[in-house]
Amino acid sequence: MSKETILVVEDYPITRKMIRVALQVEGFDVIEAGDAASGHPMVPGELDGLTKEMVYLAVSAANGCEYCIASHTAGARRAGMTEGMRGELLAVVGMACETNALANAYRVPVDERFRA
């Protein structure tokens, strides 16, 4: 049986941390948000929790945020990410960052067929 997930929305970081720790001790997975607007995207919806955590991990890796990389790696692992999946994800992030930088540096125009 999978753990239940609780979204904690609290603007005071210390209070949010105390609530998170207490809920984790009781066996819950916890999603944290500092306000309702930032908490909403991680609530279950069209994308499953693993996909959302992996997207968050990819963006965090691209931005170089050590804290976010660590916390969303842990979240993705709890949601079922394997080491193989993590490796592939980070390889894609690395390739995307490199090719994006080159395309921007050379000012490569977007093909008309790709414009939506």
N, C-alpha and C. Protein backbone atom coordinates (compact mmCIF):
# COMPACT_ATOMS: atom_id res chain seq x y z
N MET A 1 0.84 -1.18 0.00
CA MET A 1 0.00 0.00 0.00
C MET A 1 0.89 1.25 0.00
N SER A 2 0.58 2.19 -0.86
CA SER A 2 1.39 3.39 -0.94
C SER A 2 1.03 4.36 0.18
N LYS A 3 1.98 5.20 0.51
CA LYS A 3 1.76 6.19 1.55
C LYS A 3 0.79 7.25 1.06
N GLU A 4 0.09 7.85 1.99
CA GLU A 4 -0.73 9.01 1.65
C GLU A 4 0.17 10.22 1.60
N THR A 5 -0.20 11.16 0.73
CA THR A 5 0.55 12.39 0.58
C THR A 5 -0.28 13.55 1.10
N ILE A 6 0.39 14.42 1.86
CA ILE A 6 -0.28 15.59 2.41
C ILE A 6 0.44 16.83 1.92
N LEU A 7 -0.33 17.81 1.44
CA LEU A 7 0.22 19.10 1.04
C LEU A 7 0.16 20.04 2.23
N VAL A 8 1.31 20.56 2.63
CA VAL A 8 1.38 21.52 3.74
C VAL A 8 1.65 22.90 3.14
N VAL A 9 0.72 23.82 3.33
CA VAL A 9 0.89 25.19 2.86
C VAL A 9 1.03 26.06 4.10
N GLU A 10 2.21 26.62 4.28
CA GLU A 10 2.52 27.43 5.46
C GLU A 10 3.61 28.42 5.08
N ASP A 11 3.38 29.70 5.37
CA ASP A 11 4.36 30.70 4.94
C ASP A 11 5.56 30.83 5.86
N TYR A 12 5.50 30.31 7.06
CA TYR A 12 6.64 30.37 7.97
C TYR A 12 7.46 29.09 7.82
N PRO A 13 8.69 29.19 7.31
CA PRO A 13 9.50 27.99 7.04
C PRO A 13 9.72 27.09 8.25
N ILE A 14 9.96 27.67 9.41
CA ILE A 14 10.20 26.84 10.61
C ILE A 14 8.95 26.05 10.98
N THR A 15 7.81 26.71 10.93
CA THR A 15 6.55 26.03 11.23
C THR A 15 6.29 24.93 10.21
N ARG A 16 6.54 25.24 8.93
CA ARG A 16 6.35 24.26 7.87
C ARG A 16 7.25 23.05 8.09
N LYS A 17 8.49 23.28 8.49
CA LYS A 17 9.42 22.18 8.74
C LYS A 17 8.94 21.31 9.90
N MET A 18 8.46 21.94 10.98
CA MET A 18 7.98 21.16 12.14
C MET A 18 6.78 20.30 11.74
N ILE A 19 5.88 20.86 10.94
CA ILE A 19 4.71 20.10 10.49
C ILE A 19 5.15 18.94 9.61
N ARG A 20 6.09 19.21 8.68
CA ARG A 20 6.60 18.17 7.78
C ARG A 20 7.21 17.02 8.56
N VAL A 21 8.07 17.34 9.52
CA VAL A 21 8.74 16.30 10.31
C VAL A 21 7.72 15.47 11.08
N ALA A 22 6.75 16.14 11.70
CA ALA A 22 5.72 15.42 12.46
C ALA A 22 4.92 14.48 11.56
N LEU A 23 4.57 14.93 10.37
CA LEU A 23 3.80 14.09 9.46
C LEU A 23 4.63 12.94 8.91
N GLN A 24 5.91 13.19 8.63
CA GLN A 24 6.77 12.12 8.13
C GLN A 24 6.98 11.05 9.20
N VAL A 25 7.09 11.45 10.45
CA VAL A 25 7.21 10.48 11.54
C VAL A 25 5.99 9.57 11.58
N GLU A 26 4.83 10.13 11.21
CA GLU A 26 3.60 9.34 11.19
C GLU A 26 3.44 8.53 9.90
N GLY A 27 4.43 8.63 8.99
CA GLY A 27 4.41 7.81 7.79
C GLY A 27 3.86 8.46 6.53
N PHE A 28 3.59 9.74 6.56
CA PHE A 28 3.05 10.42 5.39
C PHE A 28 4.17 10.96 4.50
N ASP A 29 3.90 11.00 3.20
CA ASP A 29 4.74 11.78 2.28
C ASP A 29 4.22 13.20 2.37
N VAL A 30 5.12 14.16 2.30
CA VAL A 30 4.73 15.55 2.48
C VAL A 30 5.20 16.39 1.30
N ILE A 31 4.28 17.17 0.75
CA ILE A 31 4.61 18.19 -0.23
C ILE A 31 4.47 19.51 0.49
N GLU A 32 5.48 20.36 0.37
CA GLU A 32 5.47 21.64 1.08
C GLU A 32 5.32 22.81 0.12
N ALA A 33 4.65 23.85 0.58
CA ALA A 33 4.54 25.08 -0.20
C ALA A 33 4.48 26.26 0.76
N GLY A 34 5.12 27.35 0.34
CA GLY A 34 5.11 28.57 1.15
C GLY A 34 3.85 29.38 0.98
N ASP A 35 3.08 29.11 -0.08
CA ASP A 35 1.80 29.77 -0.28
C ASP A 35 0.96 28.90 -1.21
N ALA A 36 -0.31 29.22 -1.30
CA ALA A 36 -1.23 28.38 -2.08
C ALA A 36 -0.87 28.33 -3.55
N ALA A 37 -0.43 29.45 -4.10
CA ALA A 37 -0.11 29.49 -5.53
C ALA A 37 1.05 28.57 -5.87
N SER A 38 2.08 28.54 -5.03
CA SER A 38 3.23 27.68 -5.33
C SER A 38 2.97 26.23 -4.97
N GLY A 39 2.01 25.96 -4.12
CA GLY A 39 1.70 24.58 -3.75
C GLY A 39 0.85 23.86 -4.76
N HIS A 40 0.06 24.59 -5.49
CA HIS A 40 -0.89 23.98 -6.41
C HIS A 40 -0.29 23.06 -7.46
N PRO A 41 0.81 23.43 -8.12
CA PRO A 41 1.32 22.56 -9.19
C PRO A 41 1.73 21.16 -8.74
N MET A 42 2.05 20.97 -7.48
CA MET A 42 2.48 19.65 -7.03
C MET A 42 1.32 18.79 -6.54
N VAL A 43 0.14 19.34 -6.50
CA VAL A 43 -1.04 18.57 -6.11
C VAL A 43 -1.38 17.61 -7.26
N PRO A 44 -1.84 16.40 -6.95
CA PRO A 44 -2.17 15.45 -8.01
C PRO A 44 -3.09 16.05 -9.07
N GLY A 45 -2.78 15.76 -10.33
CA GLY A 45 -3.57 16.28 -11.45
C GLY A 45 -3.34 15.41 -12.67
N GLU A 46 -3.17 16.04 -13.83
CA GLU A 46 -2.95 15.30 -15.08
C GLU A 46 -1.63 14.54 -15.06
N LEU A 47 -0.61 15.12 -14.42
CA LEU A 47 0.69 14.46 -14.31
C LEU A 47 0.77 13.71 -12.98
N ASP A 48 1.34 12.53 -13.00
CA ASP A 48 1.50 11.78 -11.76
C ASP A 48 2.64 12.37 -10.93
N GLY A 49 2.69 12.00 -9.67
CA GLY A 49 3.67 12.54 -8.75
C GLY A 49 5.12 12.31 -9.16
N LEU A 50 5.41 11.13 -9.72
CA LEU A 50 6.78 10.84 -10.15
C LEU A 50 7.19 11.78 -11.28
N THR A 51 6.31 11.97 -12.24
CA THR A 51 6.62 12.87 -13.36
C THR A 51 6.88 14.28 -12.85
N LYS A 52 6.03 14.77 -11.96
CA LYS A 52 6.20 16.12 -11.42
C LYS A 52 7.53 16.26 -10.68
N GLU A 53 7.87 15.27 -9.87
CA GLU A 53 9.14 15.32 -9.13
C GLU A 53 10.33 15.29 -10.09
N MET A 54 10.23 14.48 -11.15
CA MET A 54 11.33 14.39 -12.10
C MET A 54 11.48 15.68 -12.91
N VAL A 55 10.37 16.31 -13.26
CA VAL A 55 10.44 17.61 -13.94
C VAL A 55 11.10 18.63 -13.02
N TYR A 56 10.68 18.63 -11.76
CA TYR A 56 11.25 19.56 -10.78
C TYR A 56 12.75 19.30 -10.61
N LEU A 57 13.13 18.04 -10.58
CA LEU A 57 14.54 17.67 -10.47
C LEU A 57 15.31 18.15 -11.70
N ALA A 58 14.74 17.99 -12.88
CA ALA A 58 15.41 18.41 -14.11
C ALA A 58 15.63 19.92 -14.12
N VAL A 59 14.62 20.68 -13.76
CA VAL A 59 14.76 22.14 -13.73
C VAL A 59 15.77 22.56 -12.67
N SER A 60 15.73 21.91 -11.52
CA SER A 60 16.67 22.22 -10.45
C SER A 60 18.11 21.92 -10.86
N ALA A 61 18.30 20.81 -11.58
CA ALA A 61 19.64 20.48 -12.06
C ALA A 61 20.11 21.51 -13.08
N ALA A 62 19.23 21.92 -13.97
CA ALA A 62 19.59 22.92 -14.98
C ALA A 62 19.94 24.26 -14.32
N ASN A 63 19.24 24.58 -13.22
CA ASN A 63 19.48 25.84 -12.51
C ASN A 63 20.60 25.74 -11.48
N GLY A 64 21.04 24.52 -11.18
CA GLY A 64 22.14 24.32 -10.23
C GLY A 64 21.77 24.55 -8.77
N CYS A 65 20.51 24.31 -8.42
CA CYS A 65 20.07 24.50 -7.02
C CYS A 65 20.31 23.22 -6.22
N GLU A 66 21.36 23.20 -5.42
CA GLU A 66 21.75 22.00 -4.68
C GLU A 66 20.63 21.50 -3.76
N TYR A 67 19.98 22.43 -3.04
CA TYR A 67 18.91 22.04 -2.12
C TYR A 67 17.76 21.38 -2.88
N CYS A 68 17.34 22.03 -3.97
CA CYS A 68 16.22 21.50 -4.74
C CYS A 68 16.56 20.17 -5.40
N ILE A 69 17.80 20.04 -5.87
CA ILE A 69 18.23 18.77 -6.46
C ILE A 69 18.11 17.66 -5.42
N ALA A 70 18.59 17.92 -4.21
CA ALA A 70 18.56 16.90 -3.15
C ALA A 70 17.13 16.57 -2.75
N SER A 71 16.31 17.60 -2.52
CA SER A 71 14.96 17.33 -2.03
C SER A 71 14.09 16.67 -3.10
N HIS A 72 14.24 17.05 -4.36
CA HIS A 72 13.39 16.45 -5.40
C HIS A 72 13.94 15.12 -5.91
N THR A 73 15.23 14.87 -5.70
CA THR A 73 15.75 13.52 -5.94
C THR A 73 15.11 12.58 -4.92
N ALA A 74 15.08 13.01 -3.66
CA ALA A 74 14.47 12.19 -2.61
C ALA A 74 12.98 11.98 -2.90
N GLY A 75 12.28 13.04 -3.29
CA GLY A 75 10.85 12.92 -3.61
C GLY A 75 10.60 11.99 -4.78
N ALA A 76 11.43 12.10 -5.81
CA ALA A 76 11.27 11.23 -6.98
C ALA A 76 11.57 9.78 -6.63
N ARG A 77 12.58 9.57 -5.79
CA ARG A 77 12.88 8.19 -5.36
C ARG A 77 11.70 7.61 -4.58
N ARG A 78 11.12 8.42 -3.69
CA ARG A 78 9.95 7.93 -2.94
C ARG A 78 8.80 7.60 -3.87
N ALA A 79 8.70 8.33 -4.99
CA ALA A 79 7.61 8.11 -5.94
C ALA A 79 7.92 7.00 -6.94
N GLY A 80 9.14 6.42 -6.87
CA GLY A 80 9.45 5.27 -7.72
C GLY A 80 10.57 5.45 -8.72
N MET A 81 11.26 6.58 -8.70
CA MET A 81 12.35 6.78 -9.64
C MET A 81 13.51 5.83 -9.30
N THR A 82 14.02 5.15 -10.32
CA THR A 82 15.18 4.27 -10.14
C THR A 82 16.45 5.05 -10.46
N GLU A 83 17.59 4.47 -10.14
CA GLU A 83 18.86 5.11 -10.48
C GLU A 83 19.03 5.20 -11.99
N GLY A 84 18.55 4.21 -12.70
CA GLY A 84 18.60 4.26 -14.16
C GLY A 84 17.79 5.42 -14.72
N MET A 85 16.60 5.62 -14.17
CA MET A 85 15.76 6.75 -14.60
C MET A 85 16.44 8.07 -14.29
N ARG A 86 17.05 8.16 -13.11
CA ARG A 86 17.76 9.39 -12.72
C ARG A 86 18.90 9.68 -13.68
N GLY A 87 19.66 8.64 -14.02
CA GLY A 87 20.77 8.80 -14.94
C GLY A 87 20.32 9.29 -16.31
N GLU A 88 19.25 8.70 -16.83
CA GLU A 88 18.72 9.13 -18.13
C GLU A 88 18.22 10.57 -18.07
N LEU A 89 17.51 10.90 -17.00
CA LEU A 89 16.98 12.25 -16.84
C LEU A 89 18.10 13.28 -16.85
N LEU A 90 19.14 13.02 -16.06
CA LEU A 90 20.24 13.98 -15.97
C LEU A 90 21.04 14.05 -17.27
N ALA A 91 21.10 12.95 -18.01
CA ALA A 91 21.76 12.97 -19.32
C ALA A 91 20.99 13.86 -20.28
N VAL A 92 19.67 13.76 -20.27
CA VAL A 92 18.84 14.61 -21.13
C VAL A 92 18.98 16.08 -20.72
N VAL A 93 18.99 16.36 -19.41
CA VAL A 93 19.15 17.73 -18.93
C VAL A 93 20.49 18.30 -19.41
N GLY A 94 21.55 17.51 -19.26
CA GLY A 94 22.87 17.96 -19.69
C GLY A 94 22.91 18.25 -21.18
N MET A 95 22.34 17.34 -21.97
CA MET A 95 22.32 17.52 -23.41
C MET A 95 21.50 18.76 -23.79
N ALA A 96 20.34 18.93 -23.15
CA ALA A 96 19.48 20.07 -23.45
C ALA A 96 20.18 21.39 -23.11
N CYS A 97 20.84 21.44 -21.96
CA CYS A 97 21.55 22.67 -21.57
C CYS A 97 22.65 23.00 -22.57
N GLU A 98 23.37 21.97 -23.00
CA GLU A 98 24.46 22.19 -23.95
C GLU A 98 23.94 22.65 -25.31
N THR A 99 22.94 21.94 -25.84
CA THR A 99 22.44 22.31 -27.16
C THR A 99 21.68 23.63 -27.12
N ASN A 100 20.99 23.92 -26.02
CA ASN A 100 20.32 25.23 -25.89
C ASN A 100 21.34 26.36 -25.92
N ALA A 101 22.45 26.17 -25.21
CA ALA A 101 23.49 27.21 -25.18
C ALA A 101 24.08 27.42 -26.57
N LEU A 102 24.33 26.34 -27.28
CA LEU A 102 24.88 26.46 -28.63
C LEU A 102 23.89 27.13 -29.59
N ALA A 103 22.63 26.71 -29.53
CA ALA A 103 21.62 27.30 -30.41
C ALA A 103 21.46 28.79 -30.13
N ASN A 104 21.49 29.16 -28.87
CA ASN A 104 21.39 30.58 -28.51
C ASN A 104 22.63 31.34 -28.95
N ALA A 105 23.81 30.77 -28.74
CA ALA A 105 25.06 31.44 -29.10
C ALA A 105 25.15 31.68 -30.61
N TYR A 106 24.71 30.70 -31.38
CA TYR A 106 24.75 30.83 -32.83
C TYR A 106 23.49 31.47 -33.41
N ARG A 107 22.54 31.78 -32.53
CA ARG A 107 21.27 32.39 -32.94
C ARG A 107 20.60 31.60 -34.06
N VAL A 108 20.47 30.32 -33.83
CA VAL A 108 19.86 29.43 -34.82
C VAL A 108 18.37 29.75 -34.90
N PRO A 109 17.88 30.07 -36.09
CA PRO A 109 16.45 30.39 -36.22
C PRO A 109 15.60 29.13 -36.05
N VAL A 110 14.40 29.32 -35.55
CA VAL A 110 13.48 28.21 -35.35
C VAL A 110 12.85 27.85 -36.70
N ASP A 111 12.86 26.56 -37.01
CA ASP A 111 12.21 26.09 -38.24
C ASP A 111 10.71 26.38 -38.18
N GLU A 112 10.16 26.80 -39.28
CA GLU A 112 8.73 27.12 -39.33
C GLU A 112 7.86 25.95 -38.91
N ARG A 113 8.28 24.72 -39.24
CA ARG A 113 7.47 23.54 -38.89
C ARG A 113 7.37 23.33 -37.39
N PHE A 114 8.27 23.94 -36.59
CA PHE A 114 8.23 23.78 -35.14
C PHE A 114 7.43 24.87 -34.44
N ARG A 115 7.07 25.90 -35.14
CA ARG A 115 6.32 27.00 -34.52
C ARG A 115 4.86 26.57 -34.35
N ALA A 116 4.35 26.82 -33.18
CA ALA A 116 2.94 26.42 -32.91
C ALA A 116 2.03 27.62 -32.98
